[in-house]
PDB file of N, CA and C in Angstrom:
ATOM      1  N   MET A   1       0.409  22.786  12.242  1.00  0.00           N
ATOM      2  CA  MET A   1       1.097  23.238  11.351  1.00  0.00           C
ATOM      3  C   MET A   1       2.020  22.251  10.495  1.00  0.00           C
ATOM      4  N   THR A   2       2.142  22.392   9.308  1.00  0.00           N
ATOM      5  CA  THR A   2       2.850  21.493   8.361  1.00  0.00           C
ATOM      6  C   THR A   2       4.337  21.818   8.242  1.00  0.00           C
ATOM      7  N   ARG A   3       4.964  20.223   8.310  1.00  0.00           N
ATOM      8  CA  ARG A   3       6.107  20.445   8.981  1.00  0.00           C
ATOM      9  C   ARG A   3       7.028  19.454   7.902  1.00  0.00           C
ATOM     10  N   LYS A   4       7.703  20.157   6.845  1.00  0.00           N
ATOM     11  CA  LYS A   4       8.671  19.886   5.734  1.00  0.00           C
ATOM     12  C   LYS A   4      10.111  19.229   6.458  1.00  0.00           C
ATOM     13  N   SER A   5       9.790  17.540   5.785  1.00  0.00           N
ATOM     14  CA  SER A   5      11.519  16.976   6.617  1.00  0.00           C
ATOM     15  C   SER A   5      12.476  17.353   5.293  1.00  0.00           C
ATOM     16  N   THR A   6      13.513  17.264   5.776  1.00  0.00           N
ATOM     17  CA  THR A   6      14.545  17.438   4.539  1.00  0.00           C
ATOM     18  C   THR A   6      15.659  16.378   4.838  1.00  0.00           C
ATOM     19  N   PRO A   7      15.179  15.436   4.089  1.00  0.00           N
ATOM     20  CA  PRO A   7      16.565  14.250   4.173  1.00  0.00           C
ATOM     21  C   PRO A   7      17.570  14.628   3.393  1.00  0.00           C
ATOM     22  N   LEU A   8      18.702  14.189   3.967  1.00  0.00           N
ATOM     23  CA  LEU A   8      20.102  14.295   3.229  1.00  0.00           C
ATOM     24  C   LEU A   8      20.080  13.593   1.862  1.00  0.00           C
ATOM     25  N   PRO A   9      20.504  14.329   0.844  1.00  0.00           N
ATOM     26  CA  PRO A   9      20.512  13.460  -0.586  1.00  0.00           C
ATOM     27  C   PRO A   9      21.173  11.919  -0.410  1.00  0.00           C
ATOM     28  N   THR A  10      20.926  10.875  -1.089  1.00  0.00           N
ATOM     29  CA  THR A  10      21.638  10.065  -1.198  1.00  0.00           C
ATOM     30  C   THR A  10      22.238   9.548  -2.548  1.00  0.00           C
ATOM     31  N   ASP A  11      22.717   8.763  -2.819  1.00  0.00           N
ATOM     32  CA  ASP A  11      23.368   8.764  -4.427  1.00  0.00           C
ATOM     33  C   ASP A  11      22.044   8.246  -5.073  1.00  0.00           C
ATOM     34  N   ASP A  12      21.064   7.562  -4.481  1.00  0.00           N
ATOM     35  CA  ASP A  12      19.776   7.268  -5.664  1.00  0.00           C
ATOM     36  C   ASP A  12      18.820   8.178  -5.338  1.00  0.00           C
ATOM     37  N   THR A  13      19.192   9.533  -4.810  1.00  0.00           N
ATOM     38  CA  THR A  13      17.913  10.405  -4.654  1.00  0.00           C
ATOM     39  C   THR A  13      18.547  11.411  -5.323  1.00  0.00           C
ATOM     40  N   PRO A  14      18.293  12.108  -6.369  1.00  0.00           N
ATOM     41  CA  PRO A  14      18.396  13.387  -6.745  1.00  0.00           C
ATOM     42  C   PRO A  14      18.682  14.437  -6.104  1.00  0.00           C
ATOM     43  N   ALA A  15      19.578  15.393  -6.392  1.00  0.00           N
ATOM     44  CA  ALA A  15      19.549  16.539  -5.121  1.00  0.00           C
ATOM     45  C   ALA A  15      18.557  17.535  -5.262  1.00  0.00           C
ATOM     46  N   ALA A  16      18.176  17.607  -6.906  1.00  0.00           N
ATOM     47  CA  ALA A  16      17.016  18.635  -6.382  1.00  0.00           C
ATOM     48  C   ALA A  16      15.431  17.995  -6.562  1.00  0.00           C
ATOM     49  N   ALA A  17      15.499  16.797  -5.844  1.00  0.00           N
ATOM     50  CA  ALA A  17      14.051  15.953  -5.648  1.00  0.00           C
ATOM     51  C   ALA A  17      13.742  16.834  -4.495  1.00  0.00           C
ATOM     52  N   GLU A  18      12.304  17.465  -4.567  1.00  0.00           N
ATOM     53  CA  GLU A  18      11.553  18.046  -3.225  1.00  0.00           C
ATOM     54  C   GLU A  18      11.248  17.054  -2.300  1.00  0.00           C
ATOM     55  N   PRO A  19      11.689  17.173  -0.995  1.00  0.00           N
ATOM     56  CA  PRO A  19      10.812  16.215   0.114  1.00  0.00           C
ATOM     57  C   PRO A  19       9.487  16.145  -0.081  1.00  0.00           C
ATOM     58  N   ALA A  20       8.819  15.127  -0.034  1.00  0.00           N
ATOM     59  CA  ALA A  20       7.361  14.933   0.490  1.00  0.00           C
ATOM     60  C   ALA A  20       6.984  15.531   1.604  1.00  0.00           C
ATOM     61  N   PRO A  21       5.717  16.155   1.590  1.00  0.00           N
ATOM     62  CA  PRO A  21       5.166  17.229   2.542  1.00  0.00           C
ATOM     63  C   PRO A  21       4.844  16.019   3.932  1.00  0.00           C
ATOM     64  N   THR A  22       4.980  16.540   5.014  1.00  0.00           N
ATOM     65  CA  THR A  22       5.019  15.887   6.274  1.00  0.00           C
ATOM     66  C   THR A  22       4.201  16.369   7.203  1.00  0.00           C
ATOM     67  N   TRP A  23       3.334  15.609   7.884  1.00  0.00           N
ATOM     68  CA  TRP A  23       2.555  16.235   8.770  1.00  0.00           C
ATOM     69  C   TRP A  23       2.569  15.258   9.990  1.00  0.00           C
ATOM     70  N   ARG A  24       2.495  16.265  11.302  1.00  0.00           N
ATOM     71  CA  ARG A  24       2.596  15.428  12.492  1.00  0.00           C
ATOM     72  C   ARG A  24       1.218  14.976  12.628  1.00  0.00           C
ATOM     73  N   LEU A  25       0.783  14.003  13.466  1.00  0.00           N
ATOM     74  CA  LEU A  25      -0.773  13.339  13.494  1.00  0.00           C
ATOM     75  C   LEU A  25      -1.573  14.122  13.956  1.00  0.00           C
ATOM     76  N   GLN A  26      -1.181  14.978  14.980  1.00  0.00           N
ATOM     77  CA  GLN A  26      -2.310  16.005  15.501  1.00  0.00           C
ATOM     78  C   GLN A  26      -2.497  17.062  14.280  1.00  0.00           C
ATOM     79  N   ASP A  27      -1.610  17.727  13.877  1.00  0.00           N
ATOM     80  CA  ASP A  27      -1.539  18.752  12.916  1.00  0.00           C
ATOM     81  C   ASP A  27      -2.858  17.880  11.780  1.00  0.00           C
ATOM     82  N   ALA A  28      -2.237  16.925  11.270  1.00  0.00           N
ATOM     83  CA  ALA A  28      -3.116  16.113  10.284  1.00  0.00           C
ATOM     84  C   ALA A  28      -4.776  15.970  10.481  1.00  0.00           C
ATOM     85  N   LYS A  29      -4.961  15.761  12.008  1.00  0.00           N
ATOM     86  CA  LYS A  29      -6.483  15.672  12.558  1.00  0.00           C
ATOM     87  C   LYS A  29      -6.928  16.671  12.618  1.00  0.00           C
ATOM     88  N   ALA A  30      -6.146  17.941  12.937  1.00  0.00           N
ATOM     89  CA  ALA A  30      -7.141  19.121  13.026  1.00  0.00           C
ATOM     90  C   ALA A  30      -7.122  19.957  11.567  1.00  0.00           C
ATOM     91  N   ARG A  31      -6.432  19.603  10.433  1.00  0.00           N
ATOM     92  CA  ARG A  31      -6.697  20.100   9.491  1.00  0.00           C
ATOM     93  C   ARG A  31      -6.782  19.338   8.439  1.00  0.00           C
ATOM     94  N   PHE A  32      -7.532  18.292   8.521  1.00  0.00           N
ATOM     95  CA  PHE A  32      -7.699  17.171   7.638  1.00  0.00           C
ATOM     96  C   PHE A  32      -8.368  17.473   6.377  1.00  0.00           C
ATOM     97  N   SER A  33      -9.170  18.554   6.355  1.00  0.00           N
ATOM     98  CA  SER A  33      -9.906  18.807   4.851  1.00  0.00           C
ATOM     99  C   SER A  33      -8.506  19.423   3.939  1.00  0.00           C
ATOM    100  N   GLU A  34      -7.646  20.103   4.753  1.00  0.00           N
ATOM    101  CA  GLU A  34      -6.527  20.548   3.969  1.00  0.00           C
ATOM    102  C   GLU A  34      -5.937  19.473   3.450  1.00  0.00           C
ATOM    103  N   LEU A  35      -5.275  18.751   4.582  1.00  0.00           N
ATOM    104  CA  LEU A  35      -4.451  17.281   4.083  1.00  0.00           C
ATOM    105  C   LEU A  35      -5.171  16.845   2.718  1.00  0.00           C
ATOM    106  N   VAL A  36      -6.346  16.410   3.078  1.00  0.00           N
ATOM    107  CA  VAL A  36      -7.240  15.624   1.487  1.00  0.00           C
ATOM    108  C   VAL A  36      -6.909  16.588   0.513  1.00  0.00           C
ATOM    109  N   ARG A  37      -7.316  17.579   0.628  1.00  0.00           N
ATOM    110  CA  ARG A  37      -7.032  18.833  -0.595  1.00  0.00           C
ATOM    111  C   ARG A  37      -5.785  18.843  -0.954  1.00  0.00           C
ATOM    112  N   LEU A  38      -4.830  18.802  -0.491  1.00  0.00           N
ATOM    113  CA  LEU A  38      -3.049  18.827  -0.617  1.00  0.00           C
ATOM    114  C   LEU A  38      -3.138  17.462  -1.506  1.00  0.00           C
ATOM    115  N   ALA A  39      -3.564  16.373  -0.956  1.00  0.00           N
ATOM    116  CA  ALA A  39      -3.394  14.955  -1.598  1.00  0.00           C
ATOM    117  C   ALA A  39      -3.611  14.941  -2.678  1.00  0.00           C
ATOM    118  N   HIS A  40      -4.612  15.384  -2.926  1.00  0.00           N
ATOM    119  CA  HIS A  40      -5.274  15.328  -4.241  1.00  0.00           C
ATOM    120  C   HIS A  40      -4.831  16.539  -5.247  1.00  0.00           C
ATOM    121  N   SER A  41      -4.508  17.343  -4.906  1.00  0.00           N
ATOM    122  CA  SER A  41      -3.623  18.717  -5.972  1.00  0.00           C
ATOM    123  C   SER A  41      -2.005  18.375  -6.160  1.00  0.00           C
ATOM    124  N   GLU A  42      -1.792  18.344  -4.831  1.00  0.00           N
ATOM    125  CA  GLU A  42      -0.182  18.151  -4.887  1.00  0.00           C
ATOM    126  C   GLU A  42       0.514  16.849  -4.663  1.00  0.00           C
ATOM    127  N   GLY A  43      -0.317  15.978  -4.383  1.00  0.00           N
ATOM    128  CA  GLY A  43       0.532  14.385  -4.238  1.00  0.00           C
ATOM    129  C   GLY A  43       0.265  13.924  -2.822  1.00  0.00           C
ATOM    130  N   PRO A  44       1.259  12.952  -2.687  1.00  0.00           N
ATOM    131  CA  PRO A  44       0.848  12.116  -1.658  1.00  0.00           C
ATOM    132  C   PRO A  44       1.488  13.019  -0.042  1.00  0.00           C
ATOM    133  N   GLN A  45       0.667  12.856   0.843  1.00  0.00           N
ATOM    134  CA  GLN A  45       1.385  13.643   1.952  1.00  0.00           C
ATOM    135  C   GLN A  45       1.269  12.751   3.172  1.00  0.00           C
ATOM    136  N   HIS A  46       2.642  12.610   3.549  1.00  0.00           N
ATOM    137  CA  HIS A  46       3.284  11.955   4.795  1.00  0.00           C
ATOM    138  C   HIS A  46       2.414  11.846   6.004  1.00  0.00           C
ATOM    139  N   VAL A  47       2.204  11.384   6.946  1.00  0.00           N
ATOM    140  CA  VAL A  47       1.949  11.765   8.516  1.00  0.00           C
ATOM    141  C   VAL A  47       2.760  10.302   9.438  1.00  0.00           C
ATOM    142  N   THR A  48       3.127  11.458  10.155  1.00  0.00           N
ATOM    143  CA  THR A  48       4.112  11.066  11.162  1.00  0.00           C
ATOM    144  C   THR A  48       3.654  10.710  12.868  1.00  0.00           C
ATOM    145  N   VAL A  49       3.872   9.677  13.551  1.00  0.00           N
ATOM    146  CA  VAL A  49       3.247   9.693  14.597  1.00  0.00           C
ATOM    147  C   VAL A  49       4.982   9.542  15.901  1.00  0.00           C
ATOM    148  N   HIS A  50       4.869  10.543  16.770  1.00  0.00           N
ATOM    149  CA  HIS A  50       6.084  10.739  17.517  1.00  0.00           C
ATOM    150  C   HIS A  50       7.241  10.542  16.429  1.00  0.00           C
ATOM    151  N   GLY A  51       7.245  10.875  15.609  1.00  0.00           N
ATOM    152  CA  GLY A  51       8.302  11.832  14.575  1.00  0.00           C
ATOM    153  C   GLY A  51       8.846  10.239  13.879  1.00  0.00           C
ATOM    154  N   ARG A  52       8.170   9.391  13.587  1.00  0.00           N
ATOM    155  CA  ARG A  52       8.171   8.460  12.723  1.00  0.00           C
ATOM    156  C   ARG A  52       6.795   8.270  11.776  1.00  0.00           C
ATOM    157  N   ALA A  53       7.456   7.766  10.754  1.00  0.00           N
ATOM    158  CA  ALA A  53       6.595   7.754   9.464  1.00  0.00           C
ATOM    159  C   ALA A  53       5.224   6.857   9.886  1.00  0.00           C
ATOM    160  N   ALA A  54       4.235   7.259   9.607  1.00  0.00           N
ATOM    161  CA  ALA A  54       3.388   6.133  10.116  1.00  0.00           C
ATOM    162  C   ALA A  54       2.067   5.734   9.145  1.00  0.00           C
ATOM    163  N   VAL A  55       1.824   6.893   8.385  1.00  0.00           N
ATOM    164  CA  VAL A  55       1.138   6.747   7.176  1.00  0.00           C
ATOM    165  C   VAL A  55       1.274   7.594   5.585  1.00  0.00           C
ATOM    166  N   VAL A  56       0.395   7.155   4.601  1.00  0.00           N
ATOM    167  CA  VAL A  56       0.689   8.271   3.519  1.00  0.00           C
ATOM    168  C   VAL A  56      -1.087   8.398   3.120  1.00  0.00           C
ATOM    169  N   VAL A  57      -1.219   9.559   2.832  1.00  0.00           N
ATOM    170  CA  VAL A  57      -2.365  10.013   2.282  1.00  0.00           C
ATOM    171  C   VAL A  57      -2.298  10.282   1.126  1.00  0.00           C
ATOM    172  N   VAL A  58      -2.770   9.271   0.096  1.00  0.00           N
ATOM    173  CA  VAL A  58      -3.024   9.576  -1.741  1.00  0.00           C
ATOM    174  C   VAL A  58      -4.275   9.759  -2.220  1.00  0.00           C
ATOM    175  N   ASP A  59      -4.093  10.526  -3.132  1.00  0.00           N
ATOM    176  CA  ASP A  59      -5.210  10.367  -3.991  1.00  0.00           C
ATOM    177  C   ASP A  59      -5.910   8.875  -4.458  1.00  0.00           C
ATOM    178  N   ALA A  60      -7.449   8.791  -4.439  1.00  0.00           N
ATOM    179  CA  ALA A  60      -8.097   7.606  -4.695  1.00  0.00           C
ATOM    180  C   ALA A  60      -7.772   7.313  -5.979  1.00  0.00           C
ATOM    181  N   GLU A  61      -7.635   8.324  -6.864  1.00  0.00           N
ATOM    182  CA  GLU A  61      -7.204   7.769  -8.347  1.00  0.00           C
ATOM    183  C   GLU A  61      -5.712   7.232  -8.478  1.00  0.00           C
ATOM    184  N   ALA A  62      -4.876   7.715  -7.277  1.00  0.00           N
ATOM    185  CA  ALA A  62      -3.289   7.347  -7.612  1.00  0.00           C
ATOM    186  C   ALA A  62      -3.614   5.905  -6.783  1.00  0.00           C
ATOM    187  N   PHE A  63      -4.224   5.773  -5.803  1.00  0.00           N
ATOM    188  CA  PHE A  63      -4.311   4.737  -4.820  1.00  0.00           C
ATOM    189  C   PHE A  63      -4.862   3.451  -6.048  1.00  0.00           C
ATOM    190  N   GLN A  64      -5.783   3.690  -6.810  1.00  0.00           N
ATOM    191  CA  GLN A  64      -6.288   2.727  -7.817  1.00  0.00           C
ATOM    192  C   GLN A  64      -5.147   2.279  -8.575  1.00  0.00           C
ATOM    193  N   ARG A  65      -4.629   3.441  -9.314  1.00  0.00           N
ATOM    194  CA  ARG A  65      -3.276   2.815 -10.067  1.00  0.00           C
ATOM    195  C   ARG A  65      -2.319   2.046  -9.546  1.00  0.00           C
ATOM    196  N   LEU A  66      -1.972   2.467  -8.459  1.00  0.00           N
ATOM    197  CA  LEU A  66      -0.805   1.667  -7.731  1.00  0.00           C
ATOM    198  C   LEU A  66      -1.522   0.161  -7.473  1.00  0.00           C
ATOM    199  N   GLN A  67      -2.564   0.135  -6.949  1.00  0.00           N
ATOM    200  CA  GLN A  67      -3.005  -1.508  -6.416  1.00  0.00           C
ATOM    201  C   GLN A  67      -3.300  -2.068  -7.945  1.00  0.00           C
ATOM    202  N   GLY A  68      -3.306  -1.400  -9.026  1.00  0.00           N
ATOM    203  CA  GLY A  68      -3.761  -2.407 -10.652  1.00  0.00           C
ATOM    204  C   GLY A  68      -4.876  -3.041 -10.044  1.00  0.00           C
ATOM    205  N   ALA A  69      -5.158  -3.507 -11.246  1.00  0.00           N
ATOM    206  CA  ALA A  69      -6.367  -4.332 -11.880  1.00  0.00           C
ATOM    207  C   ALA A  69      -6.667  -5.769 -10.804  1.00  0.00           C
ATOM    208  N   ARG A  70      -7.505  -6.053 -10.009  1.00  0.00           N
ATOM    209  CA  ARG A  70      -7.600  -7.784  -9.579  1.00  0.00           C
ATOM    210  C   ARG A  70      -8.389  -8.481 -10.321  1.00  0.00           C
ATOM    211  N   SER A  71      -7.519  -8.951 -11.167  1.00  0.00           N
ATOM    212  CA  SER A  71      -7.925  -9.859 -12.168  1.00  0.00           C
ATOM    213  C   SER A  71      -7.589 -11.646 -12.107  1.00  0.00           C
ATOM    214  N   GLY A  72      -6.955 -11.500 -11.101  1.00  0.00           N
ATOM    215  CA  GLY A  72      -6.059 -12.970 -11.096  1.00  0.00           C
ATOM    216  C   GLY A  72      -5.108 -13.260 -11.769  1.00  0.00           C
ATOM    217  N   GLN A  73      -5.158 -12.608 -13.017  1.00  0.00           N
ATOM    218  CA  GLN A  73      -4.369 -12.987 -13.824  1.00  0.00           C
ATOM    219  C   GLN A  73      -2.992 -13.510 -13.312  1.00  0.00           C
ATOM    220  N   LEU A  74      -2.004 -12.775 -12.603  1.00  0.00           N
ATOM    221  CA  LEU A  74      -0.966 -12.650 -12.375  1.00  0.00           C
ATOM    222  C   LEU A  74      -0.637 -14.343 -11.304  1.00  0.00           C
ATOM    223  N   LEU A  75      -1.621 -14.893 -10.687  1.00  0.00           N
ATOM    224  CA  LEU A  75      -1.780 -16.016 -10.225  1.00  0.00           C
ATOM    225  C   LEU A  75      -1.816 -17.416 -11.254  1.00  0.00           C
ATOM    226  N   VAL A  76      -2.358 -16.937 -11.999  1.00  0.00           N
ATOM    227  CA  VAL A  76      -2.651 -18.087 -13.238  1.00  0.00           C
ATOM    228  C   VAL A  76      -1.226 -17.722 -14.408  1.00  0.00           C
ATOM    229  N   GLU A  77      -0.880 -16.972 -14.270  1.00  0.00           N
ATOM    230  CA  GLU A  77       0.685 -17.058 -14.969  1.00  0.00           C
ATOM    231  C   GLU A  77       1.613 -17.500 -14.138  1.00  0.00           C
ATOM    232  N   ALA A  78       1.633 -17.411 -12.750  1.00  0.00           N
ATOM    233  CA  ALA A  78       2.370 -18.012 -11.785  1.00  0.00           C
ATOM    234  C   ALA A  78       2.273 -19.654 -11.817  1.00  0.00           C
ATOM    235  N   LEU A  79       0.787 -19.837 -11.767  1.00  0.00           N
ATOM    236  CA  LEU A  79       0.806 -21.344 -11.964  1.00  0.00           C
ATOM    237  C   LEU A  79       1.146 -22.005 -13.291  1.00  0.00           C
ATOM    238  N   ALA A  80       0.901 -21.402 -14.516  1.00  0.00           N
ATOM    239  CA  ALA A  80       1.309 -22.040 -15.818  1.00  0.00           C
ATOM    240  C   ALA A  80       2.947 -21.943 -15.803  1.00  0.00           C
ATOM    241  N   ALA A  81       3.563 -21.321 -15.272  1.00  0.00           N
ATOM    242  CA  ALA A  81       4.966 -20.958 -15.118  1.00  0.00           C
ATOM    243  C   ALA A  81       5.603 -22.027 -14.191  1.00  0.00           C
ATOM    244  N   SER A  82       5.111 -22.542 -13.261  1.00  0.00           N
ATOM    245  CA  SER A  82       5.534 -23.855 -12.225  1.00  0.00           C
ATOM    246  C   SER A  82       6.184 -24.977 -13.028  1.00  0.00           C
ATOM    247  N   PRO A  83       7.403 -25.376 -12.737  1.00  0.00           N
ATOM    248  CA  PRO A  83       7.731 -26.868 -13.231  1.00  0.00           C
ATOM    249  C   PRO A  83       7.134 -27.967 -12.627  1.00  0.00           C
ATOM    250  N   HIS A  84       5.789 -27.761 -12.117  1.00  0.00           N
ATOM    251  CA  HIS A  84       5.508 -28.847 -11.311  1.00  0.00           C
ATOM    252  C   HIS A  84       4.041 -28.651 -12.100  1.00  0.00           C
ATOM    253  N   ARG A  85       3.375 -28.160 -12.665  1.00  0.00           N
ATOM    254  CA  ARG A  85       2.594 -27.990 -13.589  1.00  0.00           C
ATOM    255  C   ARG A  85       1.956 -29.390 -14.162  1.00  0.00           C
ATOM    256  N   ALA A  86       2.662 -30.134 -14.861  1.00  0.00           N
ATOM    257  CA  ALA A  86       2.266 -31.581 -15.331  1.00  0.00           C
ATOM    258  C   ALA A  86       1.801 -32.628 -14.411  1.00  0.00           C
ATOM    259  N   LEU A  87       2.153 -32.181 -12.626  1.00  0.00           N
ATOM    260  CA  LEU A  87       1.784 -33.073 -11.962  1.00  0.00           C
ATOM    261  C   LEU A  87       0.407 -33.239 -11.868  1.00  0.00           C
ATOM    262  N   ASP A  88      -0.116 -34.696 -11.736  1.00  0.00           N
ATOM    263  CA  ASP A  88      -1.309 -35.184 -11.643  1.00  0.00           C
ATOM    264  C   ASP A  88      -2.096 -35.401 -10.212  1.00  0.00           C
ATOM    265  N   ILE A  89      -2.666 -34.446  -9.833  1.00  0.00           N
ATOM    266  CA  ILE A  89      -3.281 -34.446  -8.381  1.00  0.00           C
ATOM    267  C   ILE A  89      -5.173 -35.227  -8.371  1.00  0.00           C
ATOM    268  N   GLU A  90      -4.828 -36.087  -7.766  1.00  0.00           N
ATOM    269  CA  GLU A  90      -6.080 -37.008  -7.680  1.00  0.00           C
ATOM    270  C   GLU A  90      -6.630 -36.207  -6.614  1.00  0.00           C
ATOM    271  N   PRO A  91      -8.221 -36.099  -6.662  1.00  0.00           N
ATOM    272  CA  PRO A  91      -9.263 -35.331  -5.748  1.00  0.00           C
ATOM    273  C   PRO A  91      -9.136 -36.677  -4.353  1.00  0.00           C
ATOM    274  N   ARG A  92      -9.431 -35.998  -3.476  1.00  0.00           N
ATOM    275  CA  ARG A  92      -9.689 -37.025  -2.435  1.00  0.00           C
ATOM    276  C   ARG A  92     -10.785 -37.625  -2.559  1.00  0.00           C
ATOM    277  N   ARG A  93     -10.628 -39.068  -2.177  1.00  0.00           N
ATOM    278  CA  ARG A  93     -12.206 -40.050  -2.249  1.00  0.00           C
ATOM    279  C   ARG A  93     -13.034 -39.707  -1.254  1.00  0.00           C
ATOM    280  N   THR A  94     -12.946 -39.630   0.012  1.00  0.00           N
ATOM    281  CA  THR A  94     -13.684 -39.198   1.179  1.00  0.00           C
ATOM    282  C   THR A  94     -13.706 -37.976   1.465  1.00  0.00           C
ATOM    283  N   PRO A  95     -14.913 -37.439   1.839  1.00  0.00           N
ATOM    284  CA  PRO A  95     -14.291 -35.834   2.312  1.00  0.00           C
ATOM    285  C   PRO A  95     -13.580 -35.880   3.631  1.00  0.00           C
ATOM    286  N   MET A  96     -13.084 -34.978   3.905  1.00  0.00           N
ATOM    287  CA  MET A  96     -12.024 -34.694   5.211  1.00  0.00           C
ATOM    288  C   MET A  96     -13.542 -34.362   6.404  1.00  0.00           C
ATOM    289  N   PRO A  97     -13.310 -35.054   7.343  1.00  0.00           N
ATOM    290  CA  PRO A  97     -14.058 -35.043   8.641  1.00  0.00           C
ATOM    291  C   PRO A  97     -14.213 -33.378   9.045  1.00  0.00           C
ATOM    292  N   VAL A  98     -15.430 -33.221   9.267  1.00  0.00           N
ATOM    293  CA  VAL A  98     -15.763 -31.732   9.895  1.00  0.00           C
ATOM    294  C   VAL A  98     -16.324 -31.954  11.467  1.00  0.00           C
ATOM    295  N   ARG A  99     -15.871 -31.258  12.186  1.00  0.00           N
ATOM    296  CA  ARG A  99     -16.235 -30.865  13.397  1.00  0.00           C
ATOM    297  C   ARG A  99     -17.539 -30.334  13.716  1.00  0.00           C
ATOM    298  N   ALA A 100     -18.359 -30.808  14.772  1.00  0.00           N
ATOM    299  CA  ALA A 100     -19.266 -29.739  14.914  1.00  0.00           C
ATOM    300  C   ALA A 100     -19.397 -28.734  16.197  1.00  0.00           C
ATOM    301  N   VAL A 101     -19.484 -27.510  15.762  1.00  0.00           N
ATOM    302  CA  VAL A 101     -19.070 -26.617  16.525  1.00  0.00           C
ATOM    303  C   VAL A 101     -20.372 -25.780  17.052  1.00  0.00           C
ATOM    304  N   GLU A 102     -20.578 -25.617  18.481  1.00  0.00           N
ATOM    305  CA  GLU A 102     -21.461 -24.912  19.002  1.00  0.00           C
ATOM    306  C   GLU A 102     -21.224 -23.425  18.957  1.00  0.00           C
ATOM    307  N   LEU A 103     -21.934 -22.541  18.536  1.00  0.00           N
ATOM    308  CA  LEU A 103     -21.540 -21.092  18.732  1.00  0.00           C
ATOM    309  C   LEU A 103     -22.497 -20.717  19.760  1.00  0.00           C
TER     310      LEU A 103
END
């Protein structure tokens, strides 16, 4: 059975905000198709284990939006903004020793 939690509103939570649907793990397993359908149509579905938040089931499209594009652009920008970007790092003249490992 689906169980909805009713958290008390805080200063940063609007009183009119509806709490996210919460499922106990055993109910989520028994009614997985419904859980997936609701995640797709109504938004994130929270699953608890022993009364504690465990996972959130979200629609694949929403997950892709949350993850963002993986282009490496953030790393390039971080390196470009580094105060040490002008350091000249010389490559090793000799390779690092490699151990022989038997598998």
